[in-house]
Amino acid sequence: MKQAKWMVATLLILGVLTYLWGRAPDKLIIDTPATGPLTQVPAPTDCPLKGEGCEIAIDGVGSFLVSMPETVVPLEKMVFRVVPRGEAAKAIGQIRVDFEMIGMDMGINAYRLDRLADGTYREEVILPVCTTDRSDWRANLSIHSTAGAYLVRLPFSVDRSR
């Protein structure tokens, strides 16, 4: 009888945690580094994230080239890349990207980028599919360095009609 009570209690707790995580995942995942809060950096106004990439400058850290393929197909792997320029590469500890669809909750689409031997950060990512032909997204890029942690919100769109 004791085992049945423990099993019911465990399942109840797991059910409540699953419900809370599904309702408010941003409340459970805290991307605040030990050194302090994320400092938001404005994205460049003319940022061609898809294709050639976009140059991001962070005061006190350096500049970064952020890019993804010209054609993004939902549910297919693509490479998201961040290339630190100059001295910026030495100060970087971790880079993460979280994809957020504007106007619709598409779940958690967060990735930690791997550092390659040449100092480039990259990760194969997959965007979820949306029923509309065009969807607007934001790549929330967080860069953690010795100088602090920074957040850049980079808008882009995906057009499935092509």
Protein backbone atom coordinates (compact mmCIF):
# COMPACT_ATOMS: atom_id res chain seq x y z
CA MET A 1 0.00 0.00 0.00
CA LYS A 2 2.90 2.38 0.80
CA GLN A 3 4.39 1.83 -2.67
CA ALA A 4 1.09 2.77 -4.31
CA LYS A 5 0.91 6.02 -2.31
CA TRP A 6 4.48 6.94 -3.25
CA MET A 7 3.81 6.18 -6.91
CA VAL A 8 0.67 8.31 -6.93
CA ALA A 9 2.50 11.17 -5.18
CA THR A 10 5.41 10.95 -7.64
CA LEU A 11 3.11 10.95 -10.66
CA LEU A 12 1.16 13.87 -9.25
CA ILE A 13 4.34 15.92 -8.73
CA LEU A 14 5.61 15.06 -12.22
CA GLY A 15 2.25 16.03 -13.69
CA VAL A 16 2.25 19.42 -11.95
CA LEU A 17 5.86 20.13 -13.03
CA THR A 18 5.08 19.13 -16.62
CA TYR A 19 2.04 21.40 -16.64
CA LEU A 20 3.99 24.36 -15.25
CA TRP A 21 6.89 23.84 -17.66
CA GLY A 22 4.53 23.68 -20.62
CA ARG A 23 2.64 26.81 -19.55
CA ALA A 24 5.59 29.05 -18.70
CA PRO A 25 8.95 27.61 -19.80
CA ASP A 26 10.56 31.06 -19.68
CA LYS A 27 9.89 31.15 -15.94
CA LEU A 28 11.77 27.88 -15.37
CA ILE A 29 14.77 28.51 -17.64
CA ILE A 30 16.80 31.41 -16.36
CA ASP A 31 19.51 32.62 -18.70
CA THR A 32 21.03 35.00 -16.17
CA PRO A 33 24.76 34.47 -15.79
CA ALA A 34 26.52 34.51 -12.43
CA THR A 35 28.16 37.83 -13.32
CA GLY A 36 24.83 39.69 -13.61
CA PRO A 37 21.87 40.22 -15.89
CA LEU A 38 21.82 40.13 -19.68
CA THR A 39 22.49 43.52 -21.27
CA GLN A 40 20.30 44.04 -24.31
CA VAL A 41 22.17 45.27 -27.39
CA PRO A 42 20.15 46.85 -30.21
CA ALA A 43 20.24 44.93 -33.49
CA PRO A 44 21.45 46.75 -36.60
CA THR A 45 18.55 48.14 -38.65
CA ASP A 46 19.73 46.58 -41.91
CA CYS A 47 20.65 43.10 -40.71
CA PRO A 48 20.63 40.49 -43.51
CA LEU A 49 20.85 37.56 -41.09
CA LYS A 50 20.02 35.04 -43.81
CA GLY A 51 22.70 34.62 -46.46
CA GLU A 52 25.70 36.95 -46.11
CA GLY A 53 25.15 37.55 -42.42
CA CYS A 54 24.94 40.49 -40.07
CA GLU A 55 27.70 42.33 -38.24
CA ILE A 56 26.97 42.87 -34.54
CA ALA A 57 29.09 45.27 -32.46
CA ILE A 58 29.14 45.09 -28.66
CA ASP A 59 30.95 47.87 -26.81
CA GLY A 60 33.82 46.57 -24.73
CA VAL A 61 33.70 43.10 -26.28
CA GLY A 62 34.10 43.42 -30.06
CA SER A 63 32.22 42.52 -33.20
CA PHE A 64 30.62 39.31 -34.47
CA LEU A 65 29.39 38.08 -37.84
CA VAL A 66 26.11 36.20 -37.36
CA SER A 67 24.69 34.18 -40.25
CA MET A 68 22.34 31.42 -41.32
CA PRO A 69 21.50 29.99 -44.77
CA GLU A 70 19.69 32.14 -47.34
CA THR A 71 16.92 29.54 -47.59
CA VAL A 72 15.44 28.28 -44.34
CA VAL A 73 13.12 25.27 -44.58
CA PRO A 74 11.14 24.33 -41.45
CA LEU A 75 11.87 20.87 -40.03
CA GLU A 76 15.17 20.68 -41.94
CA LYS A 77 18.59 21.12 -40.37
CA MET A 78 20.46 24.35 -41.04
CA VAL A 79 23.67 25.80 -39.67
CA PHE A 80 23.54 28.88 -37.44
CA ARG A 81 26.99 30.48 -37.21
CA VAL A 82 28.63 33.22 -35.12
CA VAL A 83 32.17 34.34 -36.00
CA PRO A 84 33.88 36.57 -33.41
CA ARG A 85 36.13 39.19 -35.04
CA GLY A 86 39.59 40.04 -33.70
CA GLU A 87 40.11 40.11 -29.95
CA ALA A 88 36.44 39.33 -29.22
CA ALA A 89 37.09 35.61 -29.65
CA LYS A 90 39.36 35.46 -26.61
CA ALA A 91 36.74 36.80 -24.20
CA ILE A 92 33.78 34.58 -25.20
CA GLY A 93 32.68 31.82 -22.85
CA GLN A 94 29.38 30.68 -24.35
CA ILE A 95 26.98 31.61 -27.14
CA ARG A 96 23.34 30.51 -27.27
CA VAL A 97 20.46 31.18 -29.64
CA ASP A 98 16.75 30.87 -28.93
CA PHE A 99 14.34 31.09 -31.87
CA GLU A 100 11.02 32.77 -31.14
CA MET A 101 8.17 33.07 -33.64
CA ILE A 102 6.51 36.48 -33.47
CA GLY A 103 2.82 36.24 -32.60
CA MET A 104 2.71 32.48 -31.96
CA ASP A 105 4.16 30.16 -29.32
CA MET A 106 6.20 27.50 -31.11
CA GLY A 107 7.71 25.97 -27.99
CA ILE A 108 11.30 26.00 -26.86
CA ASN A 109 13.83 26.24 -29.69
CA ALA A 110 17.05 26.99 -27.81
CA TYR A 111 20.53 25.85 -28.82
CA ARG A 112 24.01 26.20 -27.36
CA LEU A 113 26.55 26.82 -30.10
CA ASP A 114 29.71 24.71 -30.19
CA ARG A 115 33.09 26.38 -30.48
CA LEU A 116 35.26 25.09 -33.31
CA ALA A 117 39.07 25.08 -33.41
CA ASP A 118 39.14 28.24 -35.57
CA GLY A 119 37.11 30.19 -32.96
CA THR A 120 33.82 30.03 -34.90
CA TYR A 121 30.67 29.08 -33.01
CA ARG A 122 28.11 26.97 -34.88
CA GLU A 123 25.22 24.62 -34.36
CA GLU A 124 22.82 22.69 -36.55
CA VAL A 125 19.34 23.93 -35.70
CA ILE A 126 15.81 23.04 -36.78
CA LEU A 127 12.88 25.45 -36.86
CA PRO A 128 9.38 24.07 -36.27
CA VAL A 129 6.85 24.21 -39.08
CA CYS A 130 4.01 26.72 -39.12
CA THR A 131 0.83 26.32 -41.18
CA THR A 132 1.15 29.78 -42.72
CA ASP A 133 3.28 30.34 -45.83
CA ARG A 134 5.24 33.18 -44.22
CA SER A 135 6.31 33.41 -40.60
CA ASP A 136 8.31 36.10 -38.84
CA TRP A 137 10.93 34.98 -36.35
CA ARG A 138 13.43 36.44 -33.93
CA ALA A 139 16.81 34.85 -33.18
CA ASN A 140 17.54 35.80 -29.56
CA LEU A 141 21.32 35.57 -29.44
CA SER A 142 22.97 35.58 -26.01
CA ILE A 143 26.73 36.06 -25.82
CA HIS A 144 28.45 35.38 -22.51
CA SER A 145 31.91 36.87 -22.14
CA THR A 146 34.37 37.92 -19.47
CA ALA A 147 32.95 41.46 -19.76
CA GLY A 148 29.35 40.33 -19.09
CA ALA A 149 26.40 38.78 -20.88
CA TYR A 150 24.64 40.36 -23.85
CA LEU A 151 21.38 39.73 -25.70
CA VAL A 152 20.75 40.67 -29.33
CA ARG A 153 17.31 40.10 -30.91
CA LEU A 154 17.70 39.53 -34.66
CA PRO A 155 14.52 39.43 -36.78
CA PHE A 156 14.16 37.28 -39.90
CA SER A 157 11.36 35.66 -41.88
CA VAL A 158 10.71 32.22 -43.32
CA ASP A 159 8.71 31.91 -46.54
CA ARG A 160 7.47 28.38 -47.27
CA SER A 161 5.82 29.36 -50.56
CA ARG A 162 9.17 29.40 -52.41
